[in-house]
Amino acid sequence: MKVTHFGALTCRVVEPLGAQPEAVVFLCHGYGAPGDDLVGLSAALAGVKPMAFVFPEAPLALPGMFGARAWWNFDFDLVGEALRRRNPELLASQAPSGLSARREELLAAAAAAAESLGQNRGHGGPLPLVLGGFSQGAALALSASLERPAGLSGLLLFSGLLAGAHPSELRVLSGLPILQSHGKHDDILPWPVAEYMHAALEASGASLDFISFQGGHGIPPEALRAAATWLQNLPLQHVNQEGQL
C-alpha cells in the first residue's frame, strides 16, 4: 500500500501484484472512520481480473474523536425525524451541507487516479472506474455517479443511502451495473432507508444486484463475496486518451 494525493484528497492505493490494473475501484469510508478503514477490503475483493483499489480519506476531522473523519457533518436529528415519520424520503430530499463540494472533490480525485494508474497501460487512456463506499461513503459515491464520469463502469454501495437527490434524478444511471448491500437489522441506517434507495435504483433502470443480510450496519462476508464476484464479472467501460468511450 502507498499513500498519495489525487486531486485534493489523501488516498491509500493498493495495486495488483505482478500485473497492470484493468480498472480502478474507488471506495469511500463511512462517517467517523479513519482514512484507512476500508483498506482491508482490497484483499477480499481482489480476483483474477487485476484491479487497483483506492481509498480516499474524508477531509473533515471530527473533534474529540482521534482519527475519525467525515465527508460532511451527519444530521442525526434528520435521520431520527425520518424514522419517526417512517419517511426515508426526508433523507433523500435534503442535500447535506458540503455534499456538493465533496462530490466535486471525489470526482476530480477519481479522474486523476484513473489517469495516473492507467499511464502504463499498453493502449493508453484512463482506466475504467468503479465508485463505491460504505454508509456515508456510499451516499457520496452514489451522488457523484449522477455526473456519469468518463469510464464509470459500476457502483458498489455498502449500507448506504440516497442523499440530496430526487429518485427521478437517478435515471441517468440507466443500464449501469450497481451492487447494493444492507443489513435488515441496521440500527444506524435502518432497513426502510435501504428499501427506499433500492426502489429508486430499480426505477432508474440501473442493472441492480441487491444483497440483504441478517445483520447490522456493516459489510459481512456474504456481501464481500458477492461484491468480489460482481467485480470479476463487471463489463468495463474503457476510455481513450481523448476521454471518449
C-alpha atoms as a PDB file:
ATOM      1  CA  MET A   1       0.000   0.000   0.000  1.00  0.00           C
ATOM      2  CA  LYS A   2       1.136   3.519  -0.729  1.00  0.00           C
ATOM      3  CA  VAL A   3      -0.238   6.883   0.377  1.00  0.00           C
ATOM      4  CA  THR A   4      -0.526   9.614  -2.228  1.00  0.00           C
ATOM      5  CA  HIS A   5      -2.688  12.541  -3.281  1.00  0.00           C
ATOM      6  CA  PHE A   6      -5.175  12.527  -6.119  1.00  0.00           C
ATOM      7  CA  GLY A   7      -6.606  15.987  -6.522  1.00  0.00           C
ATOM      8  CA  ALA A   8      -7.321  17.418  -3.068  1.00  0.00           C
ATOM      9  CA  LEU A   9      -7.717  14.044  -1.359  1.00  0.00           C
ATOM     10  CA  THR A  10      -5.194  11.924   0.504  1.00  0.00           C
ATOM     11  CA  CYS A  11      -5.575   8.358  -0.759  1.00  0.00           C
ATOM     12  CA  ARG A  12      -4.346   4.870   0.113  1.00  0.00           C
ATOM     13  CA  VAL A  13      -3.615   2.842  -3.007  1.00  0.00           C
ATOM     14  CA  VAL A  14      -3.334  -0.941  -3.294  1.00  0.00           C
ATOM     15  CA  GLU A  15      -2.183  -2.120  -6.728  1.00  0.00           C
ATOM     16  CA  PRO A  16      -2.247  -5.705  -8.042  1.00  0.00           C
ATOM     17  CA  LEU A  17       0.983  -7.654  -7.747  1.00  0.00           C
ATOM     18  CA  GLY A  18       2.707  -8.600 -10.981  1.00  0.00           C
ATOM     19  CA  ALA A  19       0.040  -7.219 -13.304  1.00  0.00           C
ATOM     20  CA  GLN A  20      -1.208  -3.943 -14.698  1.00  0.00           C
ATOM     21  CA  PRO A  21      -4.622  -2.992 -13.312  1.00  0.00           C
ATOM     22  CA  GLU A  22      -7.601  -3.226 -15.631  1.00  0.00           C
ATOM     23  CA  ALA A  23      -9.741  -0.859 -13.552  1.00  0.00           C
ATOM     24  CA  VAL A  24      -9.716   1.424 -10.517  1.00  0.00           C
ATOM     25  CA  VAL A  25     -12.073   0.710  -7.616  1.00  0.00           C
ATOM     26  CA  PHE A  26     -12.532   3.913  -5.609  1.00  0.00           C
ATOM     27  CA  LEU A  27     -14.048   3.163  -2.164  1.00  0.00           C
ATOM     28  CA  CYS A  28     -15.047   5.845   0.363  1.00  0.00           C
ATOM     29  CA  HIS A  29     -15.161   5.115   4.098  1.00  0.00           C
ATOM     30  CA  GLY A  30     -18.063   5.970   6.362  1.00  0.00           C
ATOM     31  CA  TYR A  31     -18.740   8.692   8.921  1.00  0.00           C
ATOM     32  CA  GLY A  32     -16.456   8.615  11.941  1.00  0.00           C
ATOM     33  CA  ALA A  33     -13.966   6.158  10.442  1.00  0.00           C
ATOM     34  CA  PRO A  34     -10.243   6.742   9.847  1.00  0.00           C
ATOM     35  CA  GLY A  35      -8.964   7.188   6.315  1.00  0.00           C
ATOM     36  CA  ASP A  36      -7.588   3.645   6.150  1.00  0.00           C
ATOM     37  CA  ASP A  37     -10.774   1.990   7.419  1.00  0.00           C
ATOM     38  CA  LEU A  38     -11.643   0.072   4.236  1.00  0.00           C
ATOM     39  CA  VAL A  39      -8.123  -0.784   3.050  1.00  0.00           C
ATOM     40  CA  GLY A  40      -8.501  -4.375   4.228  1.00  0.00           C
ATOM     41  CA  LEU A  41     -11.318  -4.894   1.723  1.00  0.00           C
ATOM     42  CA  SER A  42      -8.823  -4.926  -1.140  1.00  0.00           C
ATOM     43  CA  ALA A  43      -7.704  -8.473  -0.291  1.00  0.00           C
ATOM     44  CA  ALA A  44     -11.292  -9.737  -0.067  1.00  0.00           C
ATOM     45  CA  LEU A  45     -12.337  -8.075  -3.320  1.00  0.00           C
ATOM     46  CA  ALA A  46      -9.275  -8.962  -5.395  1.00  0.00           C
ATOM     47  CA  GLY A  47      -9.630 -11.664  -8.038  1.00  0.00           C
ATOM     48  CA  VAL A  48      -8.368 -12.935 -11.368  1.00  0.00           C
ATOM     49  CA  LYS A  49      -9.139  -9.625 -13.058  1.00  0.00           C
ATOM     50  CA  PRO A  50      -6.408  -7.303 -11.676  1.00  0.00           C
ATOM     51  CA  MET A  51      -7.699  -4.046 -10.230  1.00  0.00           C
ATOM     52  CA  ALA A  52      -6.226  -1.136  -8.315  1.00  0.00           C
ATOM     53  CA  PHE A  53      -8.062  -0.138  -5.133  1.00  0.00           C
ATOM     54  CA  VAL A  54      -8.043   3.491  -3.997  1.00  0.00           C
ATOM     55  CA  PHE A  55      -9.278   4.543  -0.560  1.00  0.00           C
ATOM     56  CA  PRO A  56      -9.709   8.317  -0.222  1.00  0.00           C
ATOM     57  CA  GLU A  57      -9.625   9.975   3.186  1.00  0.00           C
ATOM     58  CA  ALA A  58     -12.512  12.296   4.043  1.00  0.00           C
ATOM     59  CA  PRO A  59     -11.317  15.883   4.557  1.00  0.00           C
ATOM     60  CA  LEU A  60     -13.204  16.660   7.787  1.00  0.00           C
ATOM     61  CA  ALA A  61     -11.616  15.670  11.103  1.00  0.00           C
ATOM     62  CA  LEU A  62     -14.239  15.118  13.813  1.00  0.00           C
ATOM     63  CA  PRO A  63     -13.370  16.955  17.045  1.00  0.00           C
ATOM     64  CA  GLY A  64     -12.813  14.824  20.107  1.00  0.00           C
ATOM     65  CA  MET A  65     -12.585  11.589  18.074  1.00  0.00           C
ATOM     66  CA  PHE A  66      -8.971  10.626  17.372  1.00  0.00           C
ATOM     67  CA  GLY A  67      -8.520   9.684  13.722  1.00  0.00           C
ATOM     68  CA  ALA A  68     -12.256   9.959  12.960  1.00  0.00           C
ATOM     69  CA  ARG A  69     -13.184  11.687   9.730  1.00  0.00           C
ATOM     70  CA  ALA A  70     -16.288  12.586   7.765  1.00  0.00           C
ATOM     71  CA  TRP A  71     -17.326  13.686   4.300  1.00  0.00           C
ATOM     72  CA  TRP A  72     -19.865  16.064   5.831  1.00  0.00           C
ATOM     73  CA  ASN A  73     -21.413  16.578   9.245  1.00  0.00           C
ATOM     74  CA  PHE A  74     -24.064  13.916   9.672  1.00  0.00           C
ATOM     75  CA  ASP A  75     -27.510  15.190  10.641  1.00  0.00           C
ATOM     76  CA  PHE A  76     -28.605  12.645  13.227  1.00  0.00           C
ATOM     77  CA  ASP A  77     -31.704  14.709  14.040  1.00  0.00           C
ATOM     78  CA  LEU A  78     -32.847  14.453  10.424  1.00  0.00           C
ATOM     79  CA  VAL A  79     -32.339  10.688  10.460  1.00  0.00           C
ATOM     80  CA  GLY A  80     -34.327  10.443  13.674  1.00  0.00           C
ATOM     81  CA  GLU A  81     -37.135  12.559  12.256  1.00  0.00           C
ATOM     82  CA  ALA A  82     -37.253  10.469   9.080  1.00  0.00           C
ATOM     83  CA  LEU A  83     -37.522   7.293  11.139  1.00  0.00           C
ATOM     84  CA  ARG A  84     -40.190   8.676  13.451  1.00  0.00           C
ATOM     85  CA  ARG A  85     -42.243   9.671  10.433  1.00  0.00           C
ATOM     86  CA  ARG A  86     -41.361   6.431   8.631  1.00  0.00           C
ATOM     87  CA  ASN A  87     -40.410   8.613   5.706  1.00  0.00           C
ATOM     88  CA  PRO A  88     -36.927   7.898   4.257  1.00  0.00           C
ATOM     89  CA  GLU A  89     -37.687  10.440   1.533  1.00  0.00           C
ATOM     90  CA  LEU A  90     -36.698  13.151   4.024  1.00  0.00           C
ATOM     91  CA  LEU A  91     -33.093  11.948   3.851  1.00  0.00           C
ATOM     92  CA  ALA A  92     -33.086  11.964   0.067  1.00  0.00           C
ATOM     93  CA  SER A  93     -34.782  15.329  -0.382  1.00  0.00           C
ATOM     94  CA  GLN A  94     -32.441  17.424   1.767  1.00  0.00           C
ATOM     95  CA  ALA A  95     -28.897  17.778   0.454  1.00  0.00           C
ATOM     96  CA  PRO A  96     -26.387  17.752   3.337  1.00  0.00           C
ATOM     97  CA  SER A  97     -24.275  20.879   3.709  1.00  0.00           C
ATOM     98  CA  GLY A  98     -20.974  20.185   1.982  1.00  0.00           C
ATOM     99  CA  LEU A  99     -22.225  17.370  -0.267  1.00  0.00           C
ATOM    100  CA  SER A 100     -21.709  19.310  -3.491  1.00  0.00           C
ATOM    101  CA  ALA A 101     -18.104  20.238  -2.640  1.00  0.00           C
ATOM    102  CA  ARG A 102     -17.265  16.676  -1.552  1.00  0.00           C
ATOM    103  CA  ARG A 103     -18.788  15.300  -4.743  1.00  0.00           C
ATOM    104  CA  GLU A 104     -16.623  17.534  -6.919  1.00  0.00           C
ATOM    105  CA  GLU A 105     -13.508  16.638  -4.915  1.00  0.00           C
ATOM    106  CA  LEU A 106     -14.268  12.951  -5.250  1.00  0.00           C
ATOM    107  CA  LEU A 107     -14.863  13.156  -8.996  1.00  0.00           C
ATOM    108  CA  ALA A 108     -11.625  15.083  -9.522  1.00  0.00           C
ATOM    109  CA  ALA A 109      -9.648  12.617  -7.393  1.00  0.00           C
ATOM    110  CA  ALA A 110     -11.180   9.581  -9.094  1.00  0.00           C
ATOM    111  CA  ALA A 111     -10.404  11.001 -12.547  1.00  0.00           C
ATOM    112  CA  ALA A 112      -6.817  11.727 -11.502  1.00  0.00           C
ATOM    113  CA  ALA A 113      -6.407   8.201 -10.110  1.00  0.00           C
ATOM    114  CA  ALA A 114      -7.832   6.597 -13.250  1.00  0.00           C
ATOM    115  CA  GLU A 115      -5.476   8.670 -15.405  1.00  0.00           C
ATOM    116  CA  SER A 116      -2.367   8.159 -13.257  1.00  0.00           C
ATOM    117  CA  LEU A 117      -2.826   4.419 -12.724  1.00  0.00           C
ATOM    118  CA  GLY A 118      -3.631   3.925 -16.396  1.00  0.00           C
ATOM    119  CA  GLN A 119      -0.491   5.591 -17.724  1.00  0.00           C
ATOM    120  CA  ASN A 120       1.339   2.288 -18.066  1.00  0.00           C
ATOM    121  CA  ARG A 121      -1.431   0.524 -19.991  1.00  0.00           C
ATOM    122  CA  GLY A 122      -0.453  -0.565 -23.474  1.00  0.00           C
ATOM    123  CA  HIS A 123      -3.035   1.487 -25.372  1.00  0.00           C
ATOM    124  CA  GLY A 124      -3.122   4.490 -23.019  1.00  0.00           C
ATOM    125  CA  GLY A 125      -6.035   6.428 -21.620  1.00  0.00           C
ATOM    126  CA  PRO A 126      -7.533   6.392 -18.130  1.00  0.00           C
ATOM    127  CA  LEU A 127      -8.616   3.153 -16.517  1.00  0.00           C
ATOM    128  CA  PRO A 128     -12.297   2.224 -16.164  1.00  0.00           C
ATOM    129  CA  LEU A 129     -13.717   3.342 -12.849  1.00  0.00           C
ATOM    130  CA  VAL A 130     -15.850   1.747 -10.145  1.00  0.00           C
ATOM    131  CA  LEU A 131     -17.145   4.081  -7.444  1.00  0.00           C
ATOM    132  CA  GLY A 132     -18.375   2.910  -4.083  1.00  0.00           C
ATOM    133  CA  GLY A 133     -18.168   3.032  -0.358  1.00  0.00           C
ATOM    134  CA  PHE A 134     -19.726   2.256   2.983  1.00  0.00           C
ATOM    135  CA  SER A 135     -22.520   4.207   4.709  1.00  0.00           C
ATOM    136  CA  GLN A 136     -21.853   7.941   4.218  1.00  0.00           C
ATOM    137  CA  GLY A 137     -19.164   6.994   1.696  1.00  0.00           C
ATOM    138  CA  ALA A 138     -21.730   5.023  -0.305  1.00  0.00           C
ATOM    139  CA  ALA A 139     -24.067   8.033  -0.264  1.00  0.00           C
ATOM    140  CA  LEU A 140     -21.241  10.192  -1.627  1.00  0.00           C
ATOM    141  CA  ALA A 141     -20.363   7.671  -4.344  1.00  0.00           C
ATOM    142  CA  LEU A 142     -23.990   7.459  -5.458  1.00  0.00           C
ATOM    143  CA  SER A 143     -24.270  11.239  -5.560  1.00  0.00           C
ATOM    144  CA  ALA A 144     -21.058  11.543  -7.590  1.00  0.00           C
ATOM    145  CA  SER A 145     -22.215   8.868 -10.033  1.00  0.00           C
ATOM    146  CA  LEU A 146     -25.096  11.104 -11.119  1.00  0.00           C
ATOM    147  CA  GLU A 147     -22.469  13.076 -13.053  1.00  0.00           C
ATOM    148  CA  ARG A 148     -21.733   9.867 -15.049  1.00  0.00           C
ATOM    149  CA  PRO A 149     -17.941  10.417 -15.054  1.00  0.00           C
ATOM    150  CA  ALA A 150     -15.998   9.063 -18.016  1.00  0.00           C
ATOM    151  CA  GLY A 151     -15.303   5.357 -17.771  1.00  0.00           C
ATOM    152  CA  LEU A 152     -17.757   4.750 -14.940  1.00  0.00           C
ATOM    153  CA  SER A 153     -18.394   1.002 -15.034  1.00  0.00           C
ATOM    154  CA  GLY A 154     -20.319   0.353 -11.823  1.00  0.00           C
ATOM    155  CA  LEU A 155     -21.235   1.250  -8.244  1.00  0.00           C
ATOM    156  CA  LEU A 156     -20.576  -0.680  -5.031  1.00  0.00           C
ATOM    157  CA  LEU A 157     -22.921   0.572  -2.304  1.00  0.00           C
ATOM    158  CA  PHE A 158     -22.456  -0.998   1.134  1.00  0.00           C
ATOM    159  CA  SER A 159     -25.112   0.025   3.710  1.00  0.00           C
ATOM    160  CA  GLY A 160     -25.686   3.413   2.124  1.00  0.00           C
ATOM    161  CA  LEU A 161     -28.480   5.879   1.493  1.00  0.00           C
ATOM    162  CA  LEU A 162     -29.786   8.229  -1.151  1.00  0.00           C
ATOM    163  CA  ALA A 163     -28.897  11.777  -0.077  1.00  0.00           C
ATOM    164  CA  GLY A 164     -29.706  15.096  -1.693  1.00  0.00           C
ATOM    165  CA  ALA A 165     -31.358  13.737  -4.837  1.00  0.00           C
ATOM    166  CA  HIS A 166     -34.885  13.021  -6.006  1.00  0.00           C
ATOM    167  CA  PRO A 167     -35.350   9.452  -7.286  1.00  0.00           C
ATOM    168  CA  SER A 168     -36.114  10.848 -10.756  1.00  0.00           C
ATOM    169  CA  GLU A 169     -32.526  12.159 -10.948  1.00  0.00           C
ATOM    170  CA  LEU A 170     -31.274   8.563 -10.855  1.00  0.00           C
ATOM    171  CA  ARG A 171     -32.494   7.960 -14.405  1.00  0.00           C
ATOM    172  CA  VAL A 172     -29.009   8.916 -15.612  1.00  0.00           C
ATOM    173  CA  LEU A 173     -27.870   5.591 -14.115  1.00  0.00           C
ATOM    174  CA  SER A 174     -29.952   3.549 -16.552  1.00  0.00           C
ATOM    175  CA  GLY A 175     -28.018   0.445 -17.573  1.00  0.00           C
ATOM    176  CA  LEU A 176     -25.227   0.988 -15.035  1.00  0.00           C
ATOM    177  CA  PRO A 177     -24.293  -2.124 -13.010  1.00  0.00           C
ATOM    178  CA  ILE A 178     -24.850  -1.486  -9.289  1.00  0.00           C
ATOM    179  CA  LEU A 179     -24.424  -3.758  -6.288  1.00  0.00           C
ATOM    180  CA  GLN A 180     -26.243  -2.657  -3.120  1.00  0.00           C
ATOM    181  CA  SER A 181     -25.983  -4.446   0.217  1.00  0.00           C
ATOM    182  CA  HIS A 182     -27.740  -3.704   3.514  1.00  0.00           C
ATOM    183  CA  GLY A 183     -28.444  -5.380   6.815  1.00  0.00           C
ATOM    184  CA  LYS A 184     -32.050  -5.990   7.842  1.00  0.00           C
ATOM    185  CA  HIS A 185     -31.194  -5.066  11.436  1.00  0.00           C
ATOM    186  CA  ASP A 186     -29.155  -1.937  10.709  1.00  0.00           C
ATOM    187  CA  ASP A 187     -29.548   0.432  13.662  1.00  0.00           C
ATOM    188  CA  ILE A 188     -27.713   3.353  12.023  1.00  0.00           C
ATOM    189  CA  LEU A 189     -29.421   3.474   8.607  1.00  0.00           C
ATOM    190  CA  PRO A 190     -32.417   1.204   9.199  1.00  0.00           C
ATOM    191  CA  TRP A 191     -33.949  -1.132   6.655  1.00  0.00           C
ATOM    192  CA  PRO A 192     -36.573   1.339   5.293  1.00  0.00           C
ATOM    193  CA  VAL A 193     -33.672   3.555   4.163  1.00  0.00           C
ATOM    194  CA  ALA A 194     -32.304   0.637   2.117  1.00  0.00           C
ATOM    195  CA  GLU A 195     -35.730  -0.192   0.702  1.00  0.00           C
ATOM    196  CA  TYR A 196     -36.242   3.392  -0.411  1.00  0.00           C
ATOM    197  CA  MET A 197     -32.865   3.521  -2.168  1.00  0.00           C
ATOM    198  CA  HIS A 198     -33.424   0.084  -3.687  1.00  0.00           C
ATOM    199  CA  ALA A 199     -36.773   1.155  -5.161  1.00  0.00           C
ATOM    200  CA  ALA A 200     -35.233   4.341  -6.578  1.00  0.00           C
ATOM    201  CA  LEU A 201     -32.339   2.429  -8.181  1.00  0.00           C
ATOM    202  CA  GLU A 202     -34.691  -0.154  -9.668  1.00  0.00           C
ATOM    203  CA  ALA A 203     -36.911   2.566 -11.123  1.00  0.00           C
ATOM    204  CA  SER A 204     -33.849   4.255 -12.654  1.00  0.00           C
ATOM    205  CA  GLY A 205     -33.267   1.317 -14.995  1.00  0.00           C
ATOM    206  CA  ALA A 206     -29.879   0.502 -13.475  1.00  0.00           C
ATOM    207  CA  SER A 207     -28.676  -3.102 -13.610  1.00  0.00           C
ATOM    208  CA  LEU A 208     -29.118  -3.730  -9.889  1.00  0.00           C
ATOM    209  CA  ASP A 209     -27.972  -6.594  -7.678  1.00  0.00           C
ATOM    210  CA  PHE A 210     -29.269  -6.385  -4.108  1.00  0.00           C
ATOM    211  CA  ILE A 211     -27.708  -8.303  -1.214  1.00  0.00           C
ATOM    212  CA  SER A 212     -29.651  -8.302   2.059  1.00  0.00           C
ATOM    213  CA  PHE A 213     -28.301  -9.949   5.186  1.00  0.00           C
ATOM    214  CA  GLN A 214     -29.379 -10.672   8.745  1.00  0.00           C
ATOM    215  CA  GLY A 215     -27.120  -8.193  10.433  1.00  0.00           C
ATOM    216  CA  GLY A 216     -26.451  -4.598  11.372  1.00  0.00           C
ATOM    217  CA  HIS A 217     -24.502  -1.679   9.961  1.00  0.00           C
ATOM    218  CA  GLY A 218     -21.525  -3.376   8.361  1.00  0.00           C
ATOM    219  CA  ILE A 219     -20.064  -5.362   5.482  1.00  0.00           C
ATOM    220  CA  PRO A 220     -20.372  -9.078   6.308  1.00  0.00           C
ATOM    221  CA  PRO A 221     -18.534 -11.893   4.482  1.00  0.00           C
ATOM    222  CA  GLU A 222     -21.536 -12.702   2.274  1.00  0.00           C
ATOM    223  CA  ALA A 223     -21.636  -9.115   0.995  1.00  0.00           C
ATOM    224  CA  LEU A 224     -17.891  -9.166   0.300  1.00  0.00           C
ATOM    225  CA  ARG A 225     -18.134 -12.484  -1.568  1.00  0.00           C
ATOM    226  CA  ALA A 226     -20.981 -11.148  -3.680  1.00  0.00           C
ATOM    227  CA  ALA A 227     -19.044  -7.940  -4.378  1.00  0.00           C
ATOM    228  CA  ALA A 228     -15.897  -9.852  -5.389  1.00  0.00           C
ATOM    229  CA  THR A 229     -17.856 -11.988  -7.863  1.00  0.00           C
ATOM    230  CA  TRP A 230     -19.671  -8.907  -9.153  1.00  0.00           C
ATOM    231  CA  LEU A 231     -16.376  -7.083  -9.777  1.00  0.00           C
ATOM    232  CA  GLN A 232     -14.870 -10.014 -11.653  1.00  0.00           C
ATOM    233  CA  ASN A 233     -17.905 -10.219 -13.964  1.00  0.00           C
ATOM    234  CA  LEU A 234     -18.237  -6.474 -14.463  1.00  0.00           C
ATOM    235  CA  PRO A 235     -18.089  -5.176 -18.065  1.00  0.00           C
ATOM    236  CA  LEU A 236     -15.524  -2.376 -18.103  1.00  0.00           C
ATOM    237  CA  GLN A 237     -16.081   0.917 -19.911  1.00  0.00           C
ATOM    238  CA  HIS A 238     -12.732   1.814 -21.461  1.00  0.00           C
ATOM    239  CA  VAL A 239     -11.881   5.435 -22.252  1.00  0.00           C
ATOM    240  CA  ASN A 240      -9.299   6.527 -24.811  1.00  0.00           C
ATOM    241  CA  GLN A 241      -6.763   9.304 -24.421  1.00  0.00           C
ATOM    242  CA  GLU A 242      -9.300  11.820 -25.708  1.00  0.00           C
ATOM    243  CA  GLY A 243     -11.720  10.886 -22.936  1.00  0.00           C
ATOM    244  CA  GLN A 244     -14.115   9.026 -25.239  1.00  0.00           C
ATOM    245  CA  LEU A 245     -15.611   5.571 -24.689  1.00  0.00           C
END
